[in-house]
Amino acid sequence: MAGKEKYSAAEVAAWLTEHTGADTTTARRAGRTVAGAWNAREFYASATCPALVRLLRAAKEPPSDVDRLAEALARAFRVHLHDVAAWDPRPDWRKEIDA
């Protein structure tokens, strides 16, 4: 499947390096995670945002910028991420459904 990958980890990492204050090693790690998720057709904030939060923390930027960064990244690569603005970093803290 290596030849059929639509999203390149190197391209995502380069974009992240250019648009954040992150070092190249951290951006490469996040780029691999994001591109891997997208190539597996995981277009969800839950598959994308944790890597971006780690990247923002490493770059000494506020993790609260994750929605802005995820939206800009998705637009740059023409991807529609589901639930970006509603992403909850701790989805397990609420139990809304009684079993």
N, C-alpha and C. Protein backbone atom coordinates (compact mmCIF):
# COMPACT_ATOMS: atom_id res chain seq x y z
N MET A 1 0.80 -1.19 0.00
CA MET A 1 0.00 0.00 0.00
C MET A 1 0.85 1.26 0.00
N ALA A 2 2.14 1.12 0.11
CA ALA A 2 3.01 2.28 0.18
C ALA A 2 2.88 3.17 -1.06
N GLY A 3 2.67 2.58 -2.23
CA GLY A 3 2.53 3.36 -3.44
C GLY A 3 1.17 4.01 -3.59
N LYS A 4 0.19 3.59 -2.83
CA LYS A 4 -1.17 4.10 -2.96
C LYS A 4 -1.54 5.11 -1.89
N GLU A 5 -0.60 5.52 -1.07
CA GLU A 5 -0.89 6.47 -0.01
C GLU A 5 -1.14 7.85 -0.59
N LYS A 6 -2.25 8.44 -0.22
CA LYS A 6 -2.63 9.75 -0.74
C LYS A 6 -1.96 10.87 0.04
N TYR A 7 -1.76 10.67 1.33
CA TYR A 7 -1.21 11.71 2.19
C TYR A 7 0.20 11.33 2.62
N SER A 8 1.14 12.18 2.29
CA SER A 8 2.55 11.93 2.60
C SER A 8 2.89 12.46 3.99
N ALA A 9 3.51 11.62 4.78
CA ALA A 9 3.92 12.04 6.13
C ALA A 9 4.92 13.19 6.04
N ALA A 10 5.79 13.15 5.03
CA ALA A 10 6.78 14.21 4.87
C ALA A 10 6.11 15.55 4.53
N GLU A 11 5.08 15.52 3.69
CA GLU A 11 4.38 16.76 3.33
C GLU A 11 3.61 17.33 4.53
N VAL A 12 2.97 16.45 5.28
CA VAL A 12 2.25 16.91 6.48
C VAL A 12 3.24 17.49 7.49
N ALA A 13 4.37 16.80 7.69
CA ALA A 13 5.39 17.28 8.62
C ALA A 13 5.96 18.63 8.18
N ALA A 14 6.20 18.78 6.88
CA ALA A 14 6.72 20.06 6.37
C ALA A 14 5.72 21.19 6.62
N TRP A 15 4.44 20.90 6.40
CA TRP A 15 3.41 21.91 6.65
C TRP A 15 3.37 22.27 8.14
N LEU A 16 3.43 21.27 8.99
CA LEU A 16 3.39 21.52 10.44
C LEU A 16 4.60 22.32 10.90
N THR A 17 5.77 22.01 10.36
CA THR A 17 6.98 22.75 10.72
C THR A 17 6.86 24.21 10.31
N GLU A 18 6.31 24.44 9.13
CA GLU A 18 6.16 25.80 8.61
C GLU A 18 5.13 26.62 9.39
N HIS A 19 4.08 25.97 9.88
CA HIS A 19 2.97 26.70 10.49
C HIS A 19 2.94 26.65 12.02
N THR A 20 3.90 26.00 12.63
CA THR A 20 4.01 25.99 14.09
C THR A 20 5.46 26.27 14.46
N GLY A 21 5.71 26.43 15.71
CA GLY A 21 7.08 26.63 16.17
C GLY A 21 7.77 25.33 16.54
N ALA A 22 7.25 24.23 16.04
CA ALA A 22 7.77 22.91 16.43
C ALA A 22 9.08 22.59 15.70
N ASP A 23 9.91 21.80 16.35
CA ASP A 23 11.13 21.34 15.70
C ASP A 23 10.78 20.24 14.70
N THR A 24 11.71 19.93 13.81
CA THR A 24 11.43 18.98 12.73
C THR A 24 11.16 17.57 13.24
N THR A 25 11.81 17.15 14.31
CA THR A 25 11.59 15.80 14.84
C THR A 25 10.17 15.64 15.35
N THR A 26 9.69 16.60 16.10
CA THR A 26 8.33 16.55 16.62
C THR A 26 7.32 16.65 15.49
N ALA A 27 7.58 17.51 14.51
CA ALA A 27 6.68 17.65 13.37
C ALA A 27 6.65 16.36 12.54
N ARG A 28 7.79 15.70 12.39
CA ARG A 28 7.81 14.42 11.66
C ARG A 28 6.97 13.37 12.36
N ARG A 29 7.09 13.31 13.68
CA ARG A 29 6.31 12.34 14.45
C ARG A 29 4.81 12.60 14.28
N ALA A 30 4.41 13.86 14.41
CA ALA A 30 3.00 14.22 14.23
C ALA A 30 2.56 13.98 12.79
N GLY A 31 3.42 14.29 11.84
CA GLY A 31 3.11 14.08 10.43
C GLY A 31 2.87 12.62 10.10
N ARG A 32 3.69 11.74 10.68
CA ARG A 32 3.49 10.29 10.47
C ARG A 32 2.16 9.84 11.04
N THR A 33 1.83 10.33 12.24
CA THR A 33 0.57 9.94 12.89
C THR A 33 -0.63 10.42 12.09
N VAL A 34 -0.61 11.69 11.71
CA VAL A 34 -1.74 12.27 10.97
C VAL A 34 -1.89 11.63 9.60
N ALA A 35 -0.80 11.53 8.85
CA ALA A 35 -0.87 10.93 7.51
C ALA A 35 -1.29 9.47 7.60
N GLY A 36 -0.80 8.76 8.59
CA GLY A 36 -1.21 7.36 8.77
C GLY A 36 -2.69 7.23 9.03
N ALA A 37 -3.22 8.11 9.87
CA ALA A 37 -4.66 8.08 10.16
C ALA A 37 -5.46 8.42 8.91
N TRP A 38 -5.05 9.45 8.21
CA TRP A 38 -5.79 9.86 7.02
C TRP A 38 -5.70 8.81 5.92
N ASN A 39 -4.55 8.18 5.75
CA ASN A 39 -4.42 7.12 4.74
C ASN A 39 -5.26 5.90 5.10
N ALA A 40 -5.54 5.73 6.39
CA ALA A 40 -6.42 4.65 6.84
C ALA A 40 -7.88 5.12 6.85
N ARG A 41 -8.12 6.29 6.27
CA ARG A 41 -9.46 6.88 6.15
C ARG A 41 -10.08 7.21 7.51
N GLU A 42 -9.23 7.59 8.45
CA GLU A 42 -9.67 8.01 9.79
C GLU A 42 -9.71 9.53 9.81
N PHE A 43 -10.76 10.11 9.26
CA PHE A 43 -10.88 11.56 9.16
C PHE A 43 -11.66 12.11 10.35
N TYR A 44 -11.20 11.77 11.53
CA TYR A 44 -11.86 12.19 12.76
C TYR A 44 -10.90 13.00 13.61
N ALA A 45 -11.44 13.93 14.36
CA ALA A 45 -10.61 14.72 15.25
C ALA A 45 -9.90 13.82 16.26
N SER A 46 -10.56 12.75 16.67
CA SER A 46 -9.96 11.85 17.67
C SER A 46 -8.73 11.14 17.13
N ALA A 47 -8.60 11.01 15.82
CA ALA A 47 -7.42 10.38 15.23
C ALA A 47 -6.34 11.40 14.89
N THR A 48 -6.72 12.67 14.79
CA THR A 48 -5.80 13.71 14.35
C THR A 48 -5.34 14.62 15.49
N CYS A 49 -6.25 15.04 16.34
CA CYS A 49 -5.94 16.07 17.34
C CYS A 49 -4.95 15.67 18.43
N PRO A 50 -4.94 14.44 18.92
CA PRO A 50 -3.95 14.13 19.96
C PRO A 50 -2.50 14.38 19.51
N ALA A 51 -2.19 14.03 18.27
CA ALA A 51 -0.84 14.28 17.75
C ALA A 51 -0.57 15.78 17.64
N LEU A 52 -1.60 16.53 17.27
CA LEU A 52 -1.43 17.98 17.15
C LEU A 52 -1.28 18.65 18.51
N VAL A 53 -1.97 18.14 19.52
CA VAL A 53 -1.82 18.68 20.88
C VAL A 53 -0.39 18.44 21.37
N ARG A 54 0.13 17.23 21.15
CA ARG A 54 1.52 16.95 21.55
C ARG A 54 2.49 17.89 20.82
N LEU A 55 2.23 18.13 19.55
CA LEU A 55 3.06 19.04 18.76
C LEU A 55 3.01 20.45 19.32
N LEU A 56 1.83 20.94 19.63
CA LEU A 56 1.69 22.28 20.19
C LEU A 56 2.39 22.41 21.53
N ARG A 57 2.27 21.40 22.36
CA ARG A 57 2.94 21.44 23.67
C ARG A 57 4.46 21.47 23.51
N ALA A 58 4.97 20.67 22.58
CA ALA A 58 6.42 20.64 22.34
C ALA A 58 6.91 21.97 21.78
N ALA A 59 6.04 22.66 21.04
CA ALA A 59 6.39 23.95 20.46
C ALA A 59 6.15 25.11 21.42
N LYS A 60 5.75 24.78 22.66
CA LYS A 60 5.46 25.80 23.68
C LYS A 60 4.33 26.73 23.25
N GLU A 61 3.39 26.18 22.48
CA GLU A 61 2.20 26.92 22.07
C GLU A 61 1.02 26.38 22.87
N PRO A 62 -0.02 27.18 23.05
CA PRO A 62 -1.16 26.71 23.85
C PRO A 62 -1.90 25.56 23.18
N PRO A 63 -2.12 24.47 23.89
CA PRO A 63 -2.87 23.34 23.32
C PRO A 63 -4.29 23.73 22.91
N SER A 64 -4.79 24.83 23.44
CA SER A 64 -6.13 25.28 23.05
C SER A 64 -6.19 25.70 21.59
N ASP A 65 -5.05 25.86 20.94
CA ASP A 65 -5.01 26.20 19.51
C ASP A 65 -5.22 24.99 18.61
N VAL A 66 -5.51 23.83 19.19
CA VAL A 66 -5.61 22.60 18.41
C VAL A 66 -6.71 22.68 17.35
N ASP A 67 -7.84 23.28 17.68
CA ASP A 67 -8.92 23.37 16.70
C ASP A 67 -8.51 24.23 15.50
N ARG A 68 -7.87 25.36 15.79
CA ARG A 68 -7.40 26.24 14.72
C ARG A 68 -6.38 25.52 13.84
N LEU A 69 -5.43 24.84 14.46
CA LEU A 69 -4.40 24.13 13.71
C LEU A 69 -4.99 22.97 12.91
N ALA A 70 -5.88 22.21 13.51
CA ALA A 70 -6.50 21.08 12.80
C ALA A 70 -7.31 21.56 11.60
N GLU A 71 -8.03 22.66 11.79
CA GLU A 71 -8.83 23.20 10.68
C GLU A 71 -7.93 23.68 9.54
N ALA A 72 -6.86 24.39 9.87
CA ALA A 72 -5.95 24.89 8.85
C ALA A 72 -5.25 23.74 8.12
N LEU A 73 -4.84 22.72 8.87
CA LEU A 73 -4.20 21.55 8.27
C LEU A 73 -5.16 20.82 7.34
N ALA A 74 -6.38 20.64 7.78
CA ALA A 74 -7.38 19.97 6.96
C ALA A 74 -7.65 20.74 5.68
N ARG A 75 -7.75 22.05 5.78
CA ARG A 75 -7.97 22.87 4.57
C ARG A 75 -6.79 22.77 3.62
N ALA A 76 -5.59 22.79 4.18
CA ALA A 76 -4.39 22.73 3.33
C ALA A 76 -4.32 21.44 2.54
N PHE A 77 -4.81 20.35 3.12
CA PHE A 77 -4.75 19.05 2.46
C PHE A 77 -6.11 18.61 1.90
N ARG A 78 -7.06 19.54 1.90
CA ARG A 78 -8.41 19.30 1.36
C ARG A 78 -9.07 18.07 1.98
N VAL A 79 -9.04 18.06 3.30
CA VAL A 79 -9.62 16.97 4.08
C VAL A 79 -10.75 17.55 4.93
N HIS A 80 -11.82 16.80 5.08
CA HIS A 80 -12.88 17.21 6.00
C HIS A 80 -12.75 16.39 7.27
N LEU A 81 -12.40 17.05 8.36
CA LEU A 81 -12.29 16.37 9.64
C LEU A 81 -13.62 16.47 10.37
N HIS A 82 -14.10 15.37 10.84
CA HIS A 82 -15.36 15.34 11.58
C HIS A 82 -15.13 15.80 13.01
N ASP A 83 -15.98 16.66 13.50
CA ASP A 83 -16.00 17.10 14.90
C ASP A 83 -14.74 17.81 15.35
N VAL A 84 -14.16 18.64 14.52
CA VAL A 84 -12.96 19.36 14.95
C VAL A 84 -13.28 20.33 16.08
N ALA A 85 -14.27 21.18 15.89
CA ALA A 85 -14.57 22.18 16.91
C ALA A 85 -15.14 21.56 18.18
N ALA A 86 -15.75 20.40 18.05
CA ALA A 86 -16.38 19.76 19.21
C ALA A 86 -15.47 18.70 19.83
N TRP A 87 -14.22 18.65 19.42
CA TRP A 87 -13.33 17.61 19.92
C TRP A 87 -13.16 17.73 21.42
N ASP A 88 -13.29 16.62 22.10
CA ASP A 88 -13.17 16.57 23.55
C ASP A 88 -11.91 15.78 23.89
N PRO A 89 -10.91 16.40 24.51
CA PRO A 89 -9.67 15.69 24.80
C PRO A 89 -9.84 14.56 25.82
N ARG A 90 -10.94 14.58 26.57
CA ARG A 90 -11.20 13.52 27.55
C ARG A 90 -12.62 13.02 27.36
N PRO A 91 -12.89 12.26 26.32
CA PRO A 91 -14.27 11.85 26.05
C PRO A 91 -14.83 10.88 27.09
N ASP A 92 -13.96 10.30 27.89
CA ASP A 92 -14.42 9.31 28.86
C ASP A 92 -14.83 9.91 30.21
N TRP A 93 -14.67 11.21 30.38
CA TRP A 93 -14.97 11.78 31.69
C TRP A 93 -16.45 11.93 31.95
N ARG A 94 -17.27 11.91 30.89
CA ARG A 94 -18.72 12.02 31.04
C ARG A 94 -19.37 10.69 30.69
N LYS A 95 -20.32 10.32 31.43
CA LYS A 95 -21.09 9.12 31.11
C LYS A 95 -22.52 9.57 30.86
N GLU A 96 -22.84 9.82 29.59
CA GLU A 96 -24.16 10.33 29.25
C GLU A 96 -25.15 9.22 28.96
N ILE A 97 -24.66 8.04 28.71
CA ILE A 97 -25.55 6.93 28.36
C ILE A 97 -25.55 5.95 29.53
N ASP A 98 -26.71 5.72 30.08
CA ASP A 98 -26.82 4.74 31.16
C ASP A 98 -26.97 3.36 30.55
N ALA A 99 -26.22 2.43 31.07
CA ALA A 99 -26.27 1.06 30.53
C ALA A 99 -27.36 0.26 31.20
